[in-house]
PDB file of N, CA and C in Angstrom:
ATOM      1  N   MET A   1       0.883  -1.394  -0.672  1.00  0.00           N
ATOM      2  CA  MET A   1      -0.012   0.081   0.222  1.00  0.00           C
ATOM      3  C   MET A   1       1.173   1.408   0.386  1.00  0.00           C
ATOM      4  N   LYS A   2       0.760   2.366  -0.810  1.00  0.00           N
ATOM      5  CA  LYS A   2       1.476   3.269  -1.484  1.00  0.00           C
ATOM      6  C   LYS A   2       1.224   4.136  -0.336  1.00  0.00           C
ATOM      7  N   ARG A   3       1.720   5.440   0.477  1.00  0.00           N
ATOM      8  CA  ARG A   3       1.272   6.255   1.712  1.00  0.00           C
ATOM      9  C   ARG A   3       1.901   7.398   0.572  1.00  0.00           C
ATOM     10  N   ALA A   4       0.153   8.122   0.882  1.00  0.00           N
ATOM     11  CA  ALA A   4       0.555   9.468   0.491  1.00  0.00           C
ATOM     12  C   ALA A   4       1.255  11.061   1.633  1.00  0.00           C
ATOM     13  N   THR A   5       1.649  11.456   0.395  1.00  0.00           N
ATOM     14  CA  THR A   5       3.096  12.142   1.216  1.00  0.00           C
ATOM     15  C   THR A   5       1.657  13.207   1.985  1.00  0.00           C
ATOM     16  N   LYS A   6       1.989  14.275   2.724  1.00  0.00           N
ATOM     17  CA  LYS A   6       1.722  15.475   3.424  1.00  0.00           C
ATOM     18  C   LYS A   6       2.362  16.407   3.152  1.00  0.00           C
ATOM     19  N   TYR A   7       3.004  16.810   2.221  1.00  0.00           N
ATOM     20  CA  TYR A   7       3.959  17.685   1.514  1.00  0.00           C
ATOM     21  C   TYR A   7       3.775  18.138   0.302  1.00  0.00           C
ATOM     22  N   TRP A   8       4.147  19.549   0.153  1.00  0.00           N
ATOM     23  CA  TRP A   8       3.671  20.087  -0.934  1.00  0.00           C
ATOM     24  C   TRP A   8       4.333  20.598  -1.423  1.00  0.00           C
ATOM     25  N   LEU A   9       5.533  19.836  -2.466  1.00  0.00           N
ATOM     26  CA  LEU A   9       7.018  20.395  -2.525  1.00  0.00           C
ATOM     27  C   LEU A   9       6.841  20.744  -3.951  1.00  0.00           C
ATOM     28  N   ASN A  10       6.104  22.420  -3.364  1.00  0.00           N
ATOM     29  CA  ASN A  10       6.571  23.109  -4.396  1.00  0.00           C
ATOM     30  C   ASN A  10       6.493  24.390  -5.087  1.00  0.00           C
ATOM     31  N   ARG A  11       7.811  24.014  -4.347  1.00  0.00           N
ATOM     32  CA  ARG A  11       8.594  25.999  -4.373  1.00  0.00           C
ATOM     33  C   ARG A  11       9.968  25.048  -4.707  1.00  0.00           C
ATOM     34  N   ALA A  12      10.879  25.890  -6.046  1.00  0.00           N
ATOM     35  CA  ALA A  12      12.151  25.727  -5.938  1.00  0.00           C
ATOM     36  C   ALA A  12      12.984  26.975  -5.785  1.00  0.00           C
ATOM     37  N   LEU A  13      13.459  25.741  -4.322  1.00  0.00           N
ATOM     38  CA  LEU A  13      14.521  26.933  -3.778  1.00  0.00           C
ATOM     39  C   LEU A  13      16.141  26.417  -3.987  1.00  0.00           C
ATOM     40  N   VAL A  14      16.768  27.728  -4.249  1.00  0.00           N
ATOM     41  CA  VAL A  14      18.697  27.228  -4.324  1.00  0.00           C
ATOM     42  C   VAL A  14      19.317  27.235  -2.753  1.00  0.00           C
ATOM     43  N   LEU A  15      19.971  25.772  -3.224  1.00  0.00           N
ATOM     44  CA  LEU A  15      20.546  25.443  -1.707  1.00  0.00           C
ATOM     45  C   LEU A  15      22.035  26.376  -2.127  1.00  0.00           C
ATOM     46  N   SER A  16      22.605  27.363  -1.212  1.00  0.00           N
ATOM     47  CA  SER A  16      23.705  27.935  -1.047  1.00  0.00           C
ATOM     48  C   SER A  16      24.469  27.626  -0.162  1.00  0.00           C
ATOM     49  N   ALA A  17      25.776  27.695  -0.167  1.00  0.00           N
ATOM     50  CA  ALA A  17      27.081  27.583   1.183  1.00  0.00           C
ATOM     51  C   ALA A  17      27.771  28.148   0.968  1.00  0.00           C
ATOM     52  N   LEU A  18      28.347  28.765   2.122  1.00  0.00           N
ATOM     53  CA  LEU A  18      29.521  29.759   2.218  1.00  0.00           C
ATOM     54  C   LEU A  18      30.888  29.071   2.078  1.00  0.00           C
ATOM     55  N   ASP A  19      31.854  30.081   0.764  1.00  0.00           N
ATOM     56  CA  ASP A  19      33.159  29.627   0.533  1.00  0.00           C
ATOM     57  C   ASP A  19      33.253  30.695   1.120  1.00  0.00           C
ATOM     58  N   GLN A  20      34.604  30.534   1.547  1.00  0.00           N
ATOM     59  CA  GLN A  20      35.721  31.546   2.036  1.00  0.00           C
ATOM     60  C   GLN A  20      36.968  31.087   1.011  1.00  0.00           C
ATOM     61  N   THR A  21      37.308  32.225   0.224  1.00  0.00           N
ATOM     62  CA  THR A  21      38.089  32.433  -0.619  1.00  0.00           C
ATOM     63  C   THR A  21      39.904  33.661  -0.268  1.00  0.00           C
ATOM     64  N   ALA A  22      40.460  32.830  -0.101  1.00  0.00           N
ATOM     65  CA  ALA A  22      42.100  33.409   0.165  1.00  0.00           C
ATOM     66  C   ALA A  22      41.675  35.225  -0.745  1.00  0.00           C
ATOM     67  N   ASP A  23      42.365  36.471  -0.121  1.00  0.00           N
ATOM     68  CA  ASP A  23      42.078  37.491  -0.709  1.00  0.00           C
ATOM     69  C   ASP A  23      43.360  37.630  -1.541  1.00  0.00           C
ATOM     70  N   GLY A  24      44.568  36.788  -0.849  1.00  0.00           N
ATOM     71  CA  GLY A  24      45.988  37.319  -1.390  1.00  0.00           C
ATOM     72  C   GLY A  24      46.476  38.631  -0.346  1.00  0.00           C
ATOM     73  N   ALA A  25      45.953  38.819   0.417  1.00  0.00           N
ATOM     74  CA  ALA A  25      46.656  39.772   1.687  1.00  0.00           C
ATOM     75  C   ALA A  25      46.435  39.117   3.235  1.00  0.00           C
ATOM     76  N   GLY A  26      46.344  37.893   2.859  1.00  0.00           N
ATOM     77  CA  GLY A  26      46.064  37.477   4.736  1.00  0.00           C
ATOM     78  C   GLY A  26      44.891  37.097   4.633  1.00  0.00           C
ATOM     79  N   GLY A  27      44.121  37.738   4.310  1.00  0.00           N
ATOM     80  CA  GLY A  27      42.412  37.442   4.640  1.00  0.00           C
ATOM     81  C   GLY A  27      41.885  36.675   3.873  1.00  0.00           C
ATOM     82  N   TYR A  28      40.436  36.936   3.899  1.00  0.00           N
ATOM     83  CA  TYR A  28      39.828  36.202   3.256  1.00  0.00           C
ATOM     84  C   TYR A  28      38.254  36.843   2.568  1.00  0.00           C
ATOM     85  N   HIS A  29      37.698  36.414   1.255  1.00  0.00           N
ATOM     86  CA  HIS A  29      36.465  37.118   0.950  1.00  0.00           C
ATOM     87  C   HIS A  29      35.579  35.683   1.000  1.00  0.00           C
ATOM     88  N   GLU A  30      34.314  36.109   1.036  1.00  0.00           N
ATOM     89  CA  GLU A  30      32.909  35.249   1.468  1.00  0.00           C
ATOM     90  C   GLU A  30      32.086  35.159   0.213  1.00  0.00           C
ATOM     91  N   VAL A  31      31.940  34.143  -0.431  1.00  0.00           N
ATOM     92  CA  VAL A  31      31.234  34.142  -1.624  1.00  0.00           C
ATOM     93  C   VAL A  31      29.994  33.080  -1.629  1.00  0.00           C
ATOM     94  N   TRP A  32      28.984  33.520  -1.576  1.00  0.00           N
ATOM     95  CA  TRP A  32      27.805  32.123  -1.478  1.00  0.00           C
ATOM     96  C   TRP A  32      28.247  31.360  -2.917  1.00  0.00           C
ATOM     97  N   GLN A  33      28.365  30.016  -2.524  1.00  0.00           N
ATOM     98  CA  GLN A  33      28.389  29.060  -3.765  1.00  0.00           C
ATOM     99  C   GLN A  33      27.288  28.169  -3.785  1.00  0.00           C
ATOM    100  N   ASP A  34      26.795  28.215  -4.837  1.00  0.00           N
ATOM    101  CA  ASP A  34      25.238  27.648  -5.176  1.00  0.00           C
ATOM    102  C   ASP A  34      25.343  26.349  -5.664  1.00  0.00           C
ATOM    103  N   LEU A  35      24.759  24.910  -4.591  1.00  0.00           N
ATOM    104  CA  LEU A  35      24.781  23.611  -5.035  1.00  0.00           C
ATOM    105  C   LEU A  35      24.174  23.368  -5.629  1.00  0.00           C
ATOM    106  N   GLY A  36      22.900  23.559  -5.838  1.00  0.00           N
ATOM    107  CA  GLY A  36      21.831  23.000  -6.646  1.00  0.00           C
ATOM    108  C   GLY A  36      20.460  23.562  -6.157  1.00  0.00           C
ATOM    109  N   THR A  37      19.380  22.876  -6.802  1.00  0.00           N
ATOM    110  CA  THR A  37      17.708  23.568  -6.855  1.00  0.00           C
ATOM    111  C   THR A  37      16.870  22.072  -5.983  1.00  0.00           C
ATOM    112  N   LEU A  38      16.229  22.582  -4.943  1.00  0.00           N
ATOM    113  CA  LEU A  38      15.557  21.759  -4.041  1.00  0.00           C
ATOM    114  C   LEU A  38      14.227  22.204  -4.375  1.00  0.00           C
ATOM    115  N   TRP A  39      13.501  21.098  -4.406  1.00  0.00           N
ATOM    116  CA  TRP A  39      11.583  21.166  -4.065  1.00  0.00           C
ATOM    117  C   TRP A  39      11.953  21.259  -2.946  1.00  0.00           C
ATOM    118  N   ALA A  40      10.671  22.546  -2.457  1.00  0.00           N
ATOM    119  CA  ALA A  40      10.274  22.766  -0.858  1.00  0.00           C
ATOM    120  C   ALA A  40       8.748  22.682  -0.647  1.00  0.00           C
ATOM    121  N   ASP A  41       8.652  22.249   0.168  1.00  0.00           N
ATOM    122  CA  ASP A  41       7.444  22.892   1.074  1.00  0.00           C
ATOM    123  C   ASP A  41       7.982  23.480   2.284  1.00  0.00           C
ATOM    124  N   VAL A  42       7.631  25.128   1.582  1.00  0.00           N
ATOM    125  CA  VAL A  42       7.961  26.005   2.795  1.00  0.00           C
ATOM    126  C   VAL A  42       5.861  26.254   3.849  1.00  0.00           C
ATOM    127  N   ARG A  43       6.938  26.357   4.845  1.00  0.00           N
ATOM    128  CA  ARG A  43       5.837  26.892   5.565  1.00  0.00           C
ATOM    129  C   ARG A  43       5.990  28.040   7.324  1.00  0.00           C
ATOM    130  N   ALA A  44       5.536  28.940   7.079  1.00  0.00           N
ATOM    131  CA  ALA A  44       5.643  30.027   8.623  1.00  0.00           C
ATOM    132  C   ALA A  44       5.625  29.254   9.470  1.00  0.00           C
ATOM    133  N   ARG A  45       6.166  29.647  10.431  1.00  0.00           N
ATOM    134  CA  ARG A  45       6.115  29.464  11.982  1.00  0.00           C
ATOM    135  C   ARG A  45       5.797  30.915  12.620  1.00  0.00           C
ATOM    136  N   SER A  46       6.613  31.096  13.854  1.00  0.00           N
ATOM    137  CA  SER A  46       6.639  32.351  14.687  1.00  0.00           C
ATOM    138  C   SER A  46       7.566  33.471  13.305  1.00  0.00           C
ATOM    139  N   GLY A  47       7.211  34.616  14.243  1.00  0.00           N
ATOM    140  CA  GLY A  47       8.347  35.916  13.773  1.00  0.00           C
ATOM    141  C   GLY A  47       7.679  37.004  14.875  1.00  0.00           C
ATOM    142  N   ARG A  48       8.711  37.925  14.748  1.00  0.00           N
ATOM    143  CA  ARG A  48       9.024  39.240  15.476  1.00  0.00           C
ATOM    144  C   ARG A  48       9.642  40.083  15.156  1.00  0.00           C
ATOM    145  N   ILE A  49       9.786  41.275  15.520  1.00  0.00           N
ATOM    146  CA  ILE A  49      10.379  42.133  15.410  1.00  0.00           C
ATOM    147  C   ILE A  49      11.600  42.345  16.141  1.00  0.00           C
ATOM    148  N   ALA A  50      12.662  42.710  15.763  1.00  0.00           N
ATOM    149  CA  ALA A  50      14.050  42.502  16.650  1.00  0.00           C
ATOM    150  C   ALA A  50      14.674  43.764  16.065  1.00  0.00           C
ATOM    151  N   ALA A  51      15.453  44.463  17.336  1.00  0.00           N
ATOM    152  CA  ALA A  51      16.562  45.733  16.991  1.00  0.00           C
ATOM    153  C   ALA A  51      17.954  45.008  16.664  1.00  0.00           C
ATOM    154  N   GLN A  52      18.603  45.049  15.610  1.00  0.00           N
ATOM    155  CA  GLN A  52      19.908  44.942  15.155  1.00  0.00           C
ATOM    156  C   GLN A  52      20.960  46.023  14.459  1.00  0.00           C
ATOM    157  N   SER A  53      21.968  46.473  15.276  1.00  0.00           N
ATOM    158  CA  SER A  53      22.528  47.000  14.976  1.00  0.00           C
ATOM    159  C   SER A  53      21.669  48.167  14.602  1.00  0.00           C
ATOM    160  N   GLY A  54      21.013  48.904  15.828  1.00  0.00           N
ATOM    161  CA  GLY A  54      20.038  50.317  15.337  1.00  0.00           C
ATOM    162  C   GLY A  54      18.903  49.780  14.586  1.00  0.00           C
ATOM    163  N   THR A  55      18.890  48.744  13.577  1.00  0.00           N
ATOM    164  CA  THR A  55      17.753  48.836  12.552  1.00  0.00           C
ATOM    165  C   THR A  55      16.398  48.121  13.478  1.00  0.00           C
ATOM    166  N   ALA A  56      15.644  47.999  12.794  1.00  0.00           N
ATOM    167  CA  ALA A  56      14.915  47.266  13.062  1.00  0.00           C
ATOM    168  C   ALA A  56      14.233  45.911  11.835  1.00  0.00           C
ATOM    169  N   THR A  57      14.443  44.766  12.736  1.00  0.00           N
ATOM    170  CA  THR A  57      14.391  43.496  11.664  1.00  0.00           C
ATOM    171  C   THR A  57      13.616  42.894  11.981  1.00  0.00           C
ATOM    172  N   SER A  58      12.370  42.804  10.754  1.00  0.00           N
ATOM    173  CA  SER A  58      11.308  41.243  10.903  1.00  0.00           C
ATOM    174  C   SER A  58      12.512  39.628  10.665  1.00  0.00           C
ATOM    175  N   LEU A  59      11.434  39.232  11.833  1.00  0.00           N
ATOM    176  CA  LEU A  59      12.613  38.316  11.871  1.00  0.00           C
ATOM    177  C   LEU A  59      11.138  36.597  11.685  1.00  0.00           C
ATOM    178  N   GLN A  60      11.572  36.157  10.761  1.00  0.00           N
ATOM    179  CA  GLN A  60      10.046  34.974  10.443  1.00  0.00           C
ATOM    180  C   GLN A  60      10.972  34.111  10.494  1.00  0.00           C
ATOM    181  N   HIS A  61      10.159  33.011  11.148  1.00  0.00           N
ATOM    182  CA  HIS A  61      10.853  31.913  11.566  1.00  0.00           C
ATOM    183  C   HIS A  61      10.048  30.876  10.520  1.00  0.00           C
ATOM    184  N   TYR A  62      10.727  29.715  10.089  1.00  0.00           N
ATOM    185  CA  TYR A  62       9.932  29.117   8.336  1.00  0.00           C
ATOM    186  C   TYR A  62      10.562  27.270   8.992  1.00  0.00           C
ATOM    187  N   ARG A  63       9.381  25.915   8.417  1.00  0.00           N
ATOM    188  CA  ARG A  63       9.958  25.343   8.245  1.00  0.00           C
ATOM    189  C   ARG A  63      10.051  24.453   7.312  1.00  0.00           C
ATOM    190  N   ILE A  64      11.097  24.620   6.834  1.00  0.00           N
ATOM    191  CA  ILE A  64      11.045  23.649   5.290  1.00  0.00           C
ATOM    192  C   ILE A  64      11.232  22.663   4.904  1.00  0.00           C
ATOM    193  N   THR A  65      10.267  21.901   4.416  1.00  0.00           N
ATOM    194  CA  THR A  65      11.085  20.508   4.177  1.00  0.00           C
ATOM    195  C   THR A  65      11.114  20.088   2.288  1.00  0.00           C
ATOM    196  N   VAL A  66      12.397  19.244   2.146  1.00  0.00           N
ATOM    197  CA  VAL A  66      12.725  18.891   1.368  1.00  0.00           C
ATOM    198  C   VAL A  66      13.074  17.520   1.325  1.00  0.00           C
ATOM    199  N   ARG A  67      13.309  16.408   0.358  1.00  0.00           N
ATOM    200  CA  ARG A  67      13.562  15.084   0.261  1.00  0.00           C
ATOM    201  C   ARG A  67      14.870  15.705   0.646  1.00  0.00           C
ATOM    202  N   ALA A  68      14.832  13.687   1.152  1.00  0.00           N
ATOM    203  CA  ALA A  68      16.214  13.440   2.097  1.00  0.00           C
ATOM    204  C   ALA A  68      17.484  13.099   0.752  1.00  0.00           C
ATOM    205  N   ALA A  69      18.789  13.357   1.242  1.00  0.00           N
ATOM    206  CA  ALA A  69      19.746  12.861   0.477  1.00  0.00           C
ATOM    207  C   ALA A  69      20.547  12.401   1.521  1.00  0.00           C
ATOM    208  N   PRO A  70      21.321  11.420   1.154  1.00  0.00           N
ATOM    209  CA  PRO A  70      22.596  10.738   1.826  1.00  0.00           C
ATOM    210  C   PRO A  70      23.523  12.089   2.315  1.00  0.00           C
ATOM    211  N   VAL A  71      23.749  11.578   3.916  1.00  0.00           N
ATOM    212  CA  VAL A  71      24.760  12.320   4.677  1.00  0.00           C
ATOM    213  C   VAL A  71      25.779  12.092   4.209  1.00  0.00           C
ATOM    214  N   GLY A  72      26.342  13.435   3.426  1.00  0.00           N
ATOM    215  CA  GLY A  72      27.645  14.251   2.820  1.00  0.00           C
ATOM    216  C   GLY A  72      27.414  14.180   1.589  1.00  0.00           C
ATOM    217  N   ALA A  73      26.153  14.159   1.054  1.00  0.00           N
ATOM    218  CA  ALA A  73      25.863  14.459  -0.239  1.00  0.00           C
ATOM    219  C   ALA A  73      25.866  15.570  -0.323  1.00  0.00           C
ATOM    220  N   PRO A  74      26.767  16.281  -1.787  1.00  0.00           N
ATOM    221  CA  PRO A  74      26.381  18.098  -1.795  1.00  0.00           C
ATOM    222  C   PRO A  74      25.261  18.693  -1.668  1.00  0.00           C
ATOM    223  N   ASP A  75      24.408  18.129  -2.163  1.00  0.00           N
ATOM    224  CA  ASP A  75      23.384  18.428  -1.866  1.00  0.00           C
ATOM    225  C   ASP A  75      22.197  18.321  -0.814  1.00  0.00           C
ATOM    226  N   ARG A  76      22.509  18.189  -0.129  1.00  0.00           N
ATOM    227  CA  ARG A  76      22.191  17.959   1.368  1.00  0.00           C
ATOM    228  C   ARG A  76      22.341  19.407   2.298  1.00  0.00           C
ATOM    229  N   PRO A  77      21.389  19.484   2.484  1.00  0.00           N
ATOM    230  CA  PRO A  77      21.214  20.685   3.170  1.00  0.00           C
ATOM    231  C   PRO A  77      21.772  20.268   5.128  1.00  0.00           C
ATOM    232  N   GLN A  78      22.565  21.449   5.626  1.00  0.00           N
ATOM    233  CA  GLN A  78      23.351  21.598   6.623  1.00  0.00           C
ATOM    234  C   GLN A  78      23.416  23.004   7.460  1.00  0.00           C
ATOM    235  N   ALA A  79      22.876  23.421   8.649  1.00  0.00           N
ATOM    236  CA  ALA A  79      22.870  24.083   9.450  1.00  0.00           C
ATOM    237  C   ALA A  79      24.209  25.069   8.597  1.00  0.00           C
ATOM    238  N   GLY A  80      23.808  26.299   8.591  1.00  0.00           N
ATOM    239  CA  GLY A  80      24.604  27.373   7.750  1.00  0.00           C
ATOM    240  C   GLY A  80      24.707  27.666   6.528  1.00  0.00           C
ATOM    241  N   HIS A  81      23.762  26.880   5.973  1.00  0.00           N
ATOM    242  CA  HIS A  81      23.683  27.023   4.430  1.00  0.00           C
ATOM    243  C   HIS A  81      22.523  27.507   4.628  1.00  0.00           C
ATOM    244  N   ARG A  82      22.019  28.305   3.182  1.00  0.00           N
ATOM    245  CA  ARG A  82      20.600  28.969   3.004  1.00  0.00           C
ATOM    246  C   ARG A  82      19.927  28.229   1.821  1.00  0.00           C
ATOM    247  N   LEU A  83      18.736  28.853   1.869  1.00  0.00           N
ATOM    248  CA  LEU A  83      18.247  28.545   1.240  1.00  0.00           C
ATOM    249  C   LEU A  83      17.521  29.643   0.190  1.00  0.00           C
ATOM    250  N   ARG A  84      17.392  29.738  -1.361  1.00  0.00           N
ATOM    251  CA  ARG A  84      17.221  31.132  -1.633  1.00  0.00           C
ATOM    252  C   ARG A  84      16.231  31.125  -2.492  1.00  0.00           C
ATOM    253  N   ASP A  85      14.727  31.719  -2.835  1.00  0.00           N
ATOM    254  CA  ASP A  85      13.882  31.969  -3.394  1.00  0.00           C
ATOM    255  C   ASP A  85      13.586  32.942  -3.819  1.00  0.00           C
ATOM    256  N   GLY A  86      13.995  33.494  -5.663  1.00  0.00           N
ATOM    257  CA  GLY A  86      14.495  34.513  -6.062  1.00  0.00           C
ATOM    258  C   GLY A  86      15.576  35.776  -4.789  1.00  0.00           C
ATOM    259  N   ALA A  87      14.423  37.116  -4.412  1.00  0.00           N
ATOM    260  CA  ALA A  87      15.143  38.093  -3.621  1.00  0.00           C
ATOM    261  C   ALA A  87      15.229  37.756  -2.414  1.00  0.00           C
ATOM    262  N   ARG A  88      14.441  36.903  -2.017  1.00  0.00           N
ATOM    263  CA  ARG A  88      13.929  35.534  -0.618  1.00  0.00           C
ATOM    264  C   ARG A  88      15.135  34.876  -0.307  1.00  0.00           C
ATOM    265  N   VAL A  89      15.711  35.590   0.925  1.00  0.00           N
ATOM    266  CA  VAL A  89      16.846  33.961   1.318  1.00  0.00           C
ATOM    267  C   VAL A  89      16.432  33.705   2.886  1.00  0.00           C
ATOM    268  N   PHE A  90      16.425  32.281   3.093  1.00  0.00           N
ATOM    269  CA  PHE A  90      16.243  31.970   3.985  1.00  0.00           C
ATOM    270  C   PHE A  90      17.656  30.880   4.871  1.00  0.00           C
ATOM    271  N   LEU A  91      17.901  31.555   5.936  1.00  0.00           N
ATOM    272  CA  LEU A  91      19.474  30.854   6.772  1.00  0.00           C
ATOM    273  C   LEU A  91      18.922  29.719   7.357  1.00  0.00           C
ATOM    274  N   ILE A  92      19.528  28.631   7.213  1.00  0.00           N
ATOM    275  CA  ILE A  92      19.182  27.263   7.644  1.00  0.00           C
ATOM    276  C   ILE A  92      19.706  27.512   9.173  1.00  0.00           C
ATOM    277  N   HIS A  93      19.483  27.178  10.156  1.00  0.00           N
ATOM    278  CA  HIS A  93      19.738  27.246  11.371  1.00  0.00           C
ATOM    279  C   HIS A  93      19.953  25.672  12.594  1.00  0.00           C
ATOM    280  N   ALA A  94      19.257  24.163  11.896  1.00  0.00           N
ATOM    281  CA  ALA A  94      18.902  23.668  12.038  1.00  0.00           C
ATOM    282  C   ALA A  94      18.536  22.624  10.817  1.00  0.00           C
ATOM    283  N   VAL A  95      19.075  21.473  10.781  1.00  0.00           N
ATOM    284  CA  VAL A  95      17.969  20.257  10.089  1.00  0.00           C
ATOM    285  C   VAL A  95      18.162  18.810  10.774  1.00  0.00           C
ATOM    286  N   ALA A  96      17.134  18.287  10.428  1.00  0.00           N
ATOM    287  CA  ALA A  96      16.445  16.955  11.391  1.00  0.00           C
ATOM    288  C   ALA A  96      15.478  15.961   9.682  1.00  0.00           C
ATOM    289  N   GLU A  97      15.908  14.691  10.354  1.00  0.00           N
ATOM    290  CA  GLU A  97      15.285  14.139   9.556  1.00  0.00           C
ATOM    291  C   GLU A  97      13.715  14.016   9.835  1.00  0.00           C
ATOM    292  N   GLU A  98      12.738  13.991   8.735  1.00  0.00           N
ATOM    293  CA  GLU A  98      11.180  14.151   9.226  1.00  0.00           C
ATOM    294  C   GLU A  98      10.701  13.037   9.811  1.00  0.00           C
ATOM    295  N   ASP A  99      10.859  11.901   8.731  1.00  0.00           N
ATOM    296  CA  ASP A  99      10.327  10.466   9.338  1.00  0.00           C
ATOM    297  C   ASP A  99      11.577   9.560   9.772  1.00  0.00           C
ATOM    298  N   ALA A 100      10.498   8.451  10.041  1.00  0.00           N
ATOM    299  CA  ALA A 100      11.786   7.248  10.459  1.00  0.00           C
ATOM    300  C   ALA A 100      12.636   7.111   9.150  1.00  0.00           C
ATOM    301  N   ASP A 101      11.584   6.916   8.015  1.00  0.00           N
ATOM    302  CA  ASP A 101      12.353   6.092   7.043  1.00  0.00           C
ATOM    303  C   ASP A 101      13.113   7.184   5.979  1.00  0.00           C
ATOM    304  N   GLY A 102      13.278   8.213   6.501  1.00  0.00           N
ATOM    305  CA  GLY A 102      14.637   9.311   6.309  1.00  0.00           C
ATOM    306  C   GLY A 102      14.128   9.332   4.885  1.00  0.00           C
ATOM    307  N   ARG A 103      12.869   9.938   4.228  1.00  0.00           N
ATOM    308  CA  ARG A 103      12.707   9.963   3.063  1.00  0.00           C
ATOM    309  C   ARG A 103      12.262  11.650   3.018  1.00  0.00           C
ATOM    310  N   PHE A 104      12.502  12.668   4.261  1.00  0.00           N
ATOM    311  CA  PHE A 104      12.512  13.898   4.186  1.00  0.00           C
ATOM    312  C   PHE A 104      12.897  14.511   4.644  1.00  0.00           C
ATOM    313  N   LEU A 105      13.538  15.774   4.885  1.00  0.00           N
ATOM    314  CA  LEU A 105      14.242  16.703   5.720  1.00  0.00           C
ATOM    315  C   LEU A 105      13.569  17.643   5.942  1.00  0.00           C
ATOM    316  N   THR A 106      13.981  18.258   7.302  1.00  0.00           N
ATOM    317  CA  THR A 106      12.966  19.229   7.723  1.00  0.00           C
ATOM    318  C   THR A 106      14.391  20.287   8.274  1.00  0.00           C
ATOM    319  N   CYS A 107      14.044  22.009   7.515  1.00  0.00           N
ATOM    320  CA  CYS A 107      15.187  23.050   7.549  1.00  0.00           C
ATOM    321  C   CYS A 107      14.248  23.857   8.544  1.00  0.00           C
ATOM    322  N   PHE A 108      14.877  24.118   9.837  1.00  0.00           N
ATOM    323  CA  PHE A 108      14.580  24.868  10.291  1.00  0.00           C
ATOM    324  C   PHE A 108      15.050  26.540   9.982  1.00  0.00           C
ATOM    325  N   ALA A 109      14.601  27.179   9.621  1.00  0.00           N
ATOM    326  CA  ALA A 109      15.185  28.683   8.835  1.00  0.00           C
ATOM    327  C   ALA A 109      14.742  29.844   9.344  1.00  0.00           C
ATOM    328  N   THR A 110      15.247  31.407   9.083  1.00  0.00           N
ATOM    329  CA  THR A 110      14.869  32.152   9.455  1.00  0.00           C
ATOM    330  C   THR A 110      15.243  33.295   7.828  1.00  0.00           C
ATOM    331  N   GLU A 111      13.997  34.268   7.719  1.00  0.00           N
ATOM    332  CA  GLU A 111      14.128  35.020   6.884  1.00  0.00           C
ATOM    333  C   GLU A 111      14.334  36.604   7.384  1.00  0.00           C
ATOM    334  N   GLU A 112      15.273  37.111   7.553  1.00  0.00           N
ATOM    335  CA  GLU A 112      15.892  38.224   8.351  1.00  0.00           C
ATOM    336  C   GLU A 112      15.166  39.514   6.604  1.00  0.00           C
ATOM    337  N   ILE A 113      13.883  40.482   7.195  1.00  0.00           N
ATOM    338  CA  ILE A 113      14.176  41.691   6.800  1.00  0.00           C
ATOM    339  C   ILE A 113      14.459  42.986   7.189  1.00  0.00           C
ATOM    340  N   ALA A 114      14.498  43.895   6.886  1.00  0.00           N
ATOM    341  CA  ALA A 114      15.037  45.638   7.591  1.00  0.00           C
ATOM    342  C   ALA A 114      13.875  45.931   6.848  1.00  0.00           C
ATOM    343  N   ILE A 115      12.987  46.412   8.342  1.00  0.00           N
ATOM    344  CA  ILE A 115      11.921  47.151   8.299  1.00  0.00           C
ATOM    345  C   ILE A 115      12.197  48.709   9.043  1.00  0.00           C
TER     346      ILE A 115
END
């Protein structure tokens, strides 16, 4: 008997990782390197307004579900990676397996918007 999934993987998000490259002067610069596109189910959770560096910022938390990838695979999301939907950016704070079968991963992420 086939089980129906409870997720609507209907949004294509670009998975990116931060890459530090030497600048030739003893320092480095940071560049986001795209790792691939993942289809995702994006659901809003809690949100709040916070003051950061003297600026009001809207912090919206999301639960983003994607198909699982093996541990160590380049397209498996990790804490510190980000997911991008056009100009919108979701910073991943934690990743957990959603089900016992290991078919889905849940990314707990935050979108920050200066207001």
